[in-house]
């Protein structure tokens, strides 16, 4: 029985709930039967011993504790249904009073009172969304430069490596197998050591300025230099730090790119170079269209969040935060990059990373609840994914007309 309902911040409520003697006795009997189901008592088959003997064997106090847990859960669920309360997470329960009822206590007598704090779905308002207006982002077209860039990348995939001549100096575009070790403030770092690091010079895969220091070296030649990490480097503990590196080229090769012709196109299953170029252009156009749609949706959703009004349940944010975090770990696992290595390179622990994604988690929750309200207002039917897509298309049409 619900005694009192109190509204708390962030779409959270506190329920004060009464448990009567009848409900407790029912739970006590049920827990006694469960305890005796597999209990072996001399003279009785399992599950057939009288309750009094089961209570003596198991212990009344132990069954009373189990019965209390049982009845709290049962009564809590009944209160939710009876009062049309939709929780979004489990409750925080606190028993404020409890007395085991004697045989002479009436069935409707109060034997326990407990409070349950729980997050619930908020009342969402999106009033005014039908008047939203946004400036659509610029849609980029596929240029010849875009097509040529993809073609060059494909040529690199089919490139051949030829051993460079003796005394050749490393130049931009050459492949090298590099040894390097680095230190910061005079302390050598394991994450700045590699015996054999392959790279093509000039592609900018290392710290800005690093590859330029390697250009001009010969195989076996040593060089020491200092370099400053960028202020936006992914590992915050290294941002703006000055590191000293010792490098040596172990091996060097010329990168020979194939000619972009009909034969080259056939290696990718295309009829000729003309068809391959057209295919590349079409794929680039699709990528740009996808990027445009994502940017447009983001602009429209930002506009929707400006008119939406509701409190965000903290538990939903935490759930989304955990999902995003698990997704990040899974992505690194697919890339076969050790998670501990990533943490070391970023100089952060898991709690810090979770805190970083909290803002995005909260935004995702707000978007989901706001779109859900639009779906309700518009009377959109269908599966979650289909309904969300229809609502998104409706909002885009409203905001860009």
Protein backbone atom coordinates (compact mmCIF):
# COMPACT_ATOMS: atom_id res chain seq x y z
CA UNK A 1 0.00 0.00 0.00
CA UNK A 2 1.39 3.40 -1.04
CA UNK A 3 1.49 5.82 1.88
CA UNK A 4 3.23 8.77 0.23
CA UNK A 5 4.84 9.75 -3.06
CA UNK A 6 7.50 12.47 -3.05
CA UNK A 7 9.03 14.04 -6.16
CA UNK A 8 12.83 14.39 -6.16
CA UNK A 9 15.16 16.14 -8.65
CA UNK A 10 16.13 14.57 -11.98
CA UNK A 11 12.88 12.67 -12.51
CA UNK A 12 13.32 10.65 -9.34
CA UNK A 13 10.63 9.82 -6.77
CA UNK A 14 10.53 8.48 -3.24
CA UNK A 15 7.75 6.06 -2.36
CA UNK A 16 6.77 5.33 1.22
CA UNK A 17 5.12 1.90 1.27
CA UNK A 18 3.30 -0.08 3.93
CA UNK A 19 3.42 -3.87 4.30
CA UNK A 20 0.54 -5.49 6.12
CA UNK A 21 0.56 -8.68 8.16
CA UNK A 22 -1.32 -10.69 5.55
CA UNK A 23 1.27 -9.98 2.84
CA UNK A 24 4.13 -10.83 5.20
CA UNK A 25 2.53 -14.10 6.29
CA UNK A 26 2.02 -15.07 2.66
CA UNK A 27 5.70 -14.36 1.95
CA UNK A 28 6.75 -16.25 5.09
CA UNK A 29 4.79 -19.33 4.01
CA UNK A 30 6.21 -19.14 0.49
CA UNK A 31 9.81 -18.88 1.78
CA UNK A 32 9.20 -21.76 4.20
CA UNK A 33 7.93 -23.95 1.36
CA UNK A 34 10.94 -23.03 -0.77
CA UNK A 35 13.35 -23.79 2.07
CA UNK A 36 11.72 -27.19 2.66
CA UNK A 37 11.50 -28.20 -0.99
CA UNK A 38 14.86 -29.98 -1.01
CA UNK A 39 15.33 -30.35 2.73
CA UNK A 40 15.91 -33.89 3.97
CA UNK A 41 14.09 -34.49 7.25
CA UNK A 42 13.93 -37.99 8.65
CA UNK A 43 10.53 -39.59 8.17
CA UNK A 44 9.43 -37.27 5.37
CA UNK A 45 9.95 -37.08 1.64
CA UNK A 46 11.65 -33.86 0.37
CA UNK A 47 9.09 -31.06 0.29
CA UNK A 48 6.55 -32.98 2.38
CA UNK A 49 7.71 -32.15 5.90
CA UNK A 50 5.35 -29.98 7.99
CA UNK A 51 6.22 -26.27 7.97
CA UNK A 52 6.87 -26.35 11.72
CA UNK A 53 9.65 -28.90 11.27
CA UNK A 54 11.14 -26.93 8.33
CA UNK A 55 11.16 -23.79 10.48
CA UNK A 56 12.87 -25.63 13.33
CA UNK A 57 15.53 -27.02 10.99
CA UNK A 58 16.22 -23.85 8.98
CA UNK A 59 15.65 -21.31 11.71
CA UNK A 60 12.73 -18.91 12.04
CA UNK A 61 14.89 -15.78 11.90
CA UNK A 62 16.51 -16.83 8.62
CA UNK A 63 13.12 -17.44 7.02
CA UNK A 64 11.81 -14.12 8.38
CA UNK A 65 14.69 -12.26 6.72
CA UNK A 66 14.03 -14.02 3.41
CA UNK A 67 10.30 -13.35 3.78
CA UNK A 68 10.94 -9.63 4.30
CA UNK A 69 13.01 -9.41 1.11
CA UNK A 70 10.28 -11.39 -0.67
CA UNK A 71 7.41 -9.18 0.48
CA UNK A 72 9.26 -5.91 -0.15
CA UNK A 73 9.79 -6.87 -3.78
CA UNK A 74 6.23 -8.13 -4.18
CA UNK A 75 4.58 -5.08 -2.62
CA UNK A 76 6.87 -2.68 -4.48
CA UNK A 77 5.89 -4.22 -7.83
CA UNK A 78 2.21 -4.06 -6.87
CA UNK A 79 2.51 -0.34 -6.00
CA UNK A 80 4.17 0.38 -9.36
CA UNK A 81 1.35 -1.29 -11.28
CA UNK A 82 -1.43 0.14 -9.13
CA UNK A 83 -0.10 3.70 -9.51
CA UNK A 84 1.03 3.42 -13.15
CA UNK A 85 4.65 4.18 -12.27
CA UNK A 86 7.25 3.26 -14.91
CA UNK A 87 10.76 2.91 -13.40
CA UNK A 88 13.88 3.11 -15.56
CA UNK A 89 16.19 1.40 -13.06
CA UNK A 90 16.11 -0.60 -9.86
CA UNK A 91 15.08 1.15 -6.62
CA UNK A 92 17.14 2.15 -3.61
CA UNK A 93 15.25 0.55 -0.73
CA UNK A 94 15.42 1.40 2.97
CA UNK A 95 13.31 -0.32 5.64
CA UNK A 96 12.23 2.29 8.21
CA UNK A 97 10.28 -0.04 10.51
CA UNK A 98 9.59 -3.76 10.82
CA UNK A 99 7.94 -5.99 13.40
CA UNK A 100 7.28 -9.67 12.91
CA UNK A 101 3.50 -10.10 13.32
CA UNK A 102 2.27 -12.42 16.03
CA UNK A 103 -0.62 -14.83 15.52
CA UNK A 104 -3.03 -12.39 17.16
CA UNK A 105 -2.18 -9.50 14.80
CA UNK A 106 -4.91 -8.59 12.28
CA UNK A 107 -4.22 -9.19 8.59
CA UNK A 108 -4.47 -5.47 7.73
CA UNK A 109 -2.14 -4.38 10.53
CA UNK A 110 1.06 -2.59 9.57
CA UNK A 111 4.18 -4.72 10.12
CA UNK A 112 6.71 -2.86 7.96
CA UNK A 113 7.25 0.47 6.25
CA UNK A 114 9.96 1.06 3.66
CA UNK A 115 10.99 3.77 1.25
CA UNK A 116 11.95 3.15 -2.35
CA UNK A 117 13.80 5.81 -4.33
CA UNK A 118 13.62 5.20 -8.07
CA UNK A 119 14.17 7.02 -11.35
CA UNK A 120 11.11 7.20 -13.59
CA UNK A 121 10.44 8.25 -17.15
CA UNK A 122 10.09 12.03 -17.12
CA UNK A 123 7.23 14.08 -18.45
CA UNK A 124 8.67 15.35 -21.73
CA UNK A 125 7.53 18.51 -23.50
CA UNK A 126 8.60 19.32 -27.06
CA UNK A 127 6.12 22.17 -27.54
CA UNK A 128 7.18 24.35 -30.44
CA UNK A 129 9.05 21.71 -32.42
CA UNK A 130 6.66 22.21 -35.35
CA UNK A 131 8.03 25.75 -35.73
CA UNK A 132 11.73 24.84 -35.70
CA UNK A 133 13.93 26.36 -38.39
CA UNK A 134 17.57 25.51 -39.08
CA UNK A 135 20.17 26.45 -41.64
CA UNK A 136 21.04 23.31 -43.56
CA UNK A 137 24.77 22.57 -43.84
CA UNK A 138 26.51 22.92 -47.19
CA UNK A 139 26.42 19.77 -49.29
CA UNK A 140 29.82 18.95 -50.82
CA UNK A 141 30.02 17.47 -54.29
CA UNK A 142 32.52 14.80 -55.30
CA UNK A 143 35.44 16.61 -56.96
CA UNK A 144 38.15 15.32 -59.28
CA UNK A 145 40.57 15.87 -56.42
CA UNK A 146 38.51 13.56 -54.19
CA UNK A 147 38.46 10.87 -56.88
CA UNK A 148 42.21 11.19 -57.50
CA UNK A 149 42.91 10.91 -53.78
CA UNK A 150 41.02 7.62 -53.57
CA UNK A 151 42.75 6.39 -56.71
CA UNK A 152 46.14 7.18 -55.18
CA UNK A 153 45.24 5.26 -52.03
CA UNK A 154 44.26 2.25 -54.13
CA UNK A 155 47.53 2.48 -56.03
CA UNK A 156 49.39 2.40 -52.74
CA UNK A 157 47.54 -0.82 -51.85
CA UNK A 158 48.98 -2.40 -55.00
CA UNK A 159 52.46 -0.87 -54.66
CA UNK A 160 55.71 -2.82 -54.78
CA UNK A 161 58.68 -2.30 -52.48
CA UNK A 162 62.13 -2.44 -54.09
CA UNK A 163 65.33 -2.44 -52.05
CA UNK A 164 66.96 1.00 -52.24
CA UNK A 165 70.50 1.36 -53.57
CA UNK A 166 73.41 1.61 -51.16
CA UNK A 167 74.04 5.06 -49.66
CA UNK A 168 70.59 6.24 -50.74
CA UNK A 169 69.26 8.99 -48.49
CA UNK A 170 65.75 8.62 -47.11
CA UNK A 171 63.28 10.78 -48.99
CA UNK A 172 59.61 11.56 -48.83
CA UNK A 173 57.56 8.68 -50.21
CA UNK A 174 60.12 5.98 -49.33
CA UNK A 175 59.37 3.01 -47.08
CA UNK A 176 61.62 2.60 -44.04
CA UNK A 177 61.95 0.17 -41.16
CA UNK A 178 62.82 2.44 -38.26
CA UNK A 179 64.36 1.95 -34.83
CA UNK A 180 63.63 4.67 -32.31
CA UNK A 181 63.66 5.26 -28.59
CA UNK A 182 62.45 8.35 -26.77
CA UNK A 183 62.63 9.98 -23.38
CA UNK A 184 60.89 12.84 -21.60
CA UNK A 185 62.69 14.82 -18.90
CA UNK A 186 65.56 12.37 -19.16
CA UNK A 187 63.37 9.33 -18.43
CA UNK A 188 63.11 6.65 -21.14
CA UNK A 189 59.55 5.60 -21.98
CA UNK A 190 58.44 2.15 -23.09
CA UNK A 191 55.70 3.65 -25.25
CA UNK A 192 58.38 5.57 -27.20
CA UNK A 193 60.46 2.52 -28.07
CA UNK A 194 60.28 0.43 -31.22
CA UNK A 195 62.89 -1.93 -32.68
CA UNK A 196 61.17 -2.15 -36.07
CA UNK A 197 58.58 0.48 -36.98
CA UNK A 198 57.50 0.43 -40.64
CA UNK A 199 56.25 3.62 -42.28
CA UNK A 200 56.19 5.57 -45.52
CA UNK A 201 57.89 8.92 -44.99
CA UNK A 202 55.74 11.95 -45.54
CA UNK A 203 52.38 10.38 -44.73
CA UNK A 204 52.33 12.06 -41.31
CA UNK A 205 51.67 8.99 -39.22
CA UNK A 206 54.07 10.02 -36.44
CA UNK A 207 54.38 13.16 -34.30
CA UNK A 208 54.42 16.30 -36.49
CA UNK A 209 58.02 17.02 -37.45
CA UNK A 210 59.30 13.51 -36.60
CA UNK A 211 59.41 12.17 -40.16
CA UNK A 212 61.17 15.30 -41.41
CA UNK A 213 64.03 14.47 -39.01
CA UNK A 214 64.38 11.02 -40.59
CA UNK A 215 64.48 12.34 -44.16
CA UNK A 216 68.09 12.52 -45.37
CA UNK A 217 69.40 9.63 -43.24
CA UNK A 218 71.02 6.53 -44.73
CA UNK A 219 70.57 2.93 -43.61
CA UNK A 220 72.43 2.35 -40.32
CA UNK A 221 72.96 6.06 -39.69
CA UNK A 222 72.08 7.31 -36.17
CA UNK A 223 70.50 10.63 -35.26
CA UNK A 224 69.31 12.25 -32.05
CA UNK A 225 66.86 15.14 -32.00
CA UNK A 226 64.30 16.87 -29.81
CA UNK A 227 60.66 17.39 -30.69
CA UNK A 228 57.66 18.93 -28.93
CA UNK A 229 54.38 17.07 -28.70
CA UNK A 230 51.37 19.04 -30.04
CA UNK A 231 49.06 20.78 -27.55
CA UNK A 232 46.19 18.59 -28.78
CA UNK A 233 48.09 15.29 -28.65
CA UNK A 234 45.78 12.39 -27.71
CA UNK A 235 47.83 11.56 -24.58
CA UNK A 236 47.17 14.56 -22.33
CA UNK A 237 50.21 13.79 -20.14
CA UNK A 238 52.46 14.38 -23.18
CA UNK A 239 50.83 17.52 -24.55
CA UNK A 240 53.43 20.29 -25.09
CA UNK A 241 56.14 18.02 -23.62
CA UNK A 242 59.62 18.05 -25.18
CA UNK A 243 60.92 14.57 -26.00
CA UNK A 244 64.35 13.46 -27.14
CA UNK A 245 64.52 10.67 -29.72
CA UNK A 246 67.36 8.54 -31.00
CA UNK A 247 66.59 6.99 -34.41
CA UNK A 248 68.22 4.67 -36.92
CA UNK A 249 66.98 3.31 -40.26
CA UNK A 250 67.22 -0.49 -40.28
CA UNK A 251 66.03 -0.92 -43.86
CA UNK A 252 64.86 1.29 -46.70
CA UNK A 253 62.91 0.61 -49.90
CA UNK A 254 61.54 2.56 -52.83
CA UNK A 255 57.77 2.51 -53.18
CA UNK A 256 56.81 1.77 -56.78
CA UNK A 257 53.20 2.63 -57.57
CA UNK A 258 51.37 0.90 -60.43
CA UNK A 259 50.08 2.99 -63.33
CA UNK A 260 46.39 3.80 -63.15
CA UNK A 261 45.28 2.08 -66.36
CA UNK A 262 42.79 -0.55 -67.54
CA UNK A 263 44.94 -3.43 -66.26
CA UNK A 264 45.12 -1.79 -62.84
CA UNK A 265 41.34 -1.35 -62.81
CA UNK A 266 40.84 -5.05 -63.54
CA UNK A 267 42.71 -5.97 -60.34
CA UNK A 268 39.77 -4.38 -58.50
CA UNK A 269 37.15 -6.23 -60.56
CA UNK A 270 36.41 -3.27 -62.86
CA UNK A 271 36.10 -3.52 -66.65
CA UNK A 272 38.47 -0.63 -67.36
CA UNK A 273 39.83 2.59 -65.86
CA UNK A 274 36.78 4.58 -66.96
CA UNK A 275 34.43 2.26 -65.09
CA UNK A 276 36.69 2.27 -62.03
CA UNK A 277 36.80 6.08 -61.98
CA UNK A 278 33.00 6.23 -62.23
CA UNK A 279 32.66 3.70 -59.38
CA UNK A 280 35.03 5.70 -57.19
CA UNK A 281 33.12 8.91 -57.90
CA UNK A 282 29.81 7.24 -57.01
CA UNK A 283 31.22 5.91 -53.73
CA UNK A 284 32.65 9.32 -52.85
CA UNK A 285 29.26 10.90 -53.57
CA UNK A 286 27.56 8.37 -51.28
CA UNK A 287 30.07 9.08 -48.50
CA UNK A 288 29.53 12.81 -48.82
CA UNK A 289 25.77 12.34 -48.86
CA UNK A 290 26.02 10.25 -45.66
CA UNK A 291 28.21 12.91 -44.04
CA UNK A 292 25.72 15.62 -45.09
CA UNK A 293 22.78 13.68 -43.66
CA UNK A 294 24.60 13.11 -40.35
CA UNK A 295 25.46 16.80 -40.09
CA UNK A 296 21.90 17.82 -40.99
CA UNK A 297 20.43 15.45 -38.42
CA UNK A 298 22.78 16.81 -35.76
CA UNK A 299 21.72 20.40 -36.51
CA UNK A 300 18.03 19.46 -36.37
CA UNK A 301 18.43 17.43 -33.16
CA UNK A 302 20.25 20.35 -31.52
CA UNK A 303 17.26 22.53 -32.43
CA UNK A 304 14.88 19.94 -30.97
CA UNK A 305 16.81 19.84 -27.69
CA UNK A 306 16.46 23.62 -27.41
CA UNK A 307 12.66 23.37 -27.30
CA UNK A 308 12.51 20.14 -25.30
CA UNK A 309 11.88 20.49 -21.58
CA UNK A 310 12.24 17.68 -19.05
CA UNK A 311 14.43 16.37 -16.26
CA UNK A 312 16.96 13.70 -17.18
CA UNK A 313 17.03 10.55 -14.97
CA UNK A 314 20.60 10.03 -13.78
CA UNK A 315 20.30 6.24 -14.11
CA UNK A 316 19.58 6.52 -17.85
CA UNK A 317 22.69 8.67 -18.27
CA UNK A 318 24.74 6.09 -16.36
CA UNK A 319 23.37 3.26 -18.49
CA UNK A 320 24.23 5.13 -21.70
CA UNK A 321 27.62 6.07 -20.30
CA UNK A 322 28.37 2.39 -19.64
CA UNK A 323 27.16 1.45 -23.14
CA UNK A 324 29.41 4.01 -24.82
CA UNK A 325 32.34 2.91 -22.68
CA UNK A 326 31.82 -0.78 -23.52
CA UNK A 327 31.48 0.18 -27.19
CA UNK A 328 34.83 1.98 -27.04
CA UNK A 329 36.55 -1.03 -25.50
CA UNK A 330 35.00 -3.34 -28.08
CA UNK A 331 36.23 -1.10 -30.91
CA UNK A 332 39.82 -1.31 -29.66
CA UNK A 333 39.44 -5.07 -29.29
CA UNK A 334 38.39 -5.33 -32.95
CA UNK A 335 41.44 -3.24 -33.86
CA UNK A 336 43.54 -5.72 -31.84
CA UNK A 337 44.95 -2.88 -29.78
CA UNK A 338 45.49 -3.80 -26.09
CA UNK A 339 43.22 -1.74 -23.85
CA UNK A 340 45.98 -1.24 -21.27
CA UNK A 341 48.22 0.14 -24.02
CA UNK A 342 45.57 2.66 -25.01
CA UNK A 343 45.15 3.78 -21.40
CA UNK A 344 48.92 4.17 -21.07
CA UNK A 345 49.15 6.23 -24.26
CA UNK A 346 46.33 8.55 -23.22
CA UNK A 347 47.59 8.80 -19.65
CA UNK A 348 44.08 8.19 -18.29
CA UNK A 349 42.27 5.57 -16.27
CA UNK A 350 38.85 4.06 -16.97
CA UNK A 351 37.03 6.38 -14.56
CA UNK A 352 38.48 9.44 -16.33
CA UNK A 353 37.43 8.09 -19.72
CA UNK A 354 33.91 7.42 -18.44
CA UNK A 355 33.70 10.96 -17.12
CA UNK A 356 34.76 12.30 -20.52
CA UNK A 357 31.90 10.56 -22.30
CA UNK A 358 29.27 11.57 -19.73
CA UNK A 359 28.32 14.68 -21.71
CA UNK A 360 27.70 12.66 -24.87
CA UNK A 361 25.77 10.06 -22.85
CA UNK A 362 23.48 12.74 -21.43
CA UNK A 363 22.91 14.21 -24.89
CA UNK A 364 22.06 10.77 -26.31
CA UNK A 365 19.49 10.23 -23.55
CA UNK A 366 17.94 13.65 -24.18
CA UNK A 367 17.71 12.90 -27.91
CA UNK A 368 16.08 9.53 -27.30
CA UNK A 369 13.47 10.92 -24.92
CA UNK A 370 12.75 13.94 -27.17
CA UNK A 371 12.33 11.80 -30.29
CA UNK A 372 10.13 9.43 -28.30
CA UNK A 373 7.83 12.33 -27.45
CA UNK A 374 7.72 13.45 -31.11
CA UNK A 375 6.77 9.89 -32.08
CA UNK A 376 3.95 10.00 -29.51
CA UNK A 377 2.69 13.44 -30.60
CA UNK A 378 2.81 12.54 -34.29
CA UNK A 379 1.12 9.18 -33.69
CA UNK A 380 3.93 7.34 -35.47
CA UNK A 381 3.65 3.55 -35.37
CA UNK A 382 6.10 0.76 -36.06
CA UNK A 383 9.25 -0.71 -34.56
CA UNK A 384 11.59 1.51 -32.54
CA UNK A 385 14.12 1.92 -35.36
CA UNK A 386 11.51 2.59 -38.03
CA UNK A 387 9.58 5.01 -35.81
CA UNK A 388 12.76 6.91 -34.92
CA UNK A 389 13.66 7.20 -38.62
CA UNK A 390 10.18 8.46 -39.51
CA UNK A 391 10.27 11.00 -36.68
CA UNK A 392 13.72 12.19 -37.78
CA UNK A 393 12.57 12.63 -41.39
CA UNK A 394 9.51 14.54 -40.16
CA UNK A 395 11.67 16.92 -38.11
CA UNK A 396 14.06 17.51 -41.01
CA UNK A 397 11.13 18.35 -43.29
CA UNK A 398 9.72 20.78 -40.71
CA UNK A 399 13.02 22.49 -39.92
CA UNK A 400 14.26 22.93 -43.50
CA UNK A 401 11.10 23.88 -45.39
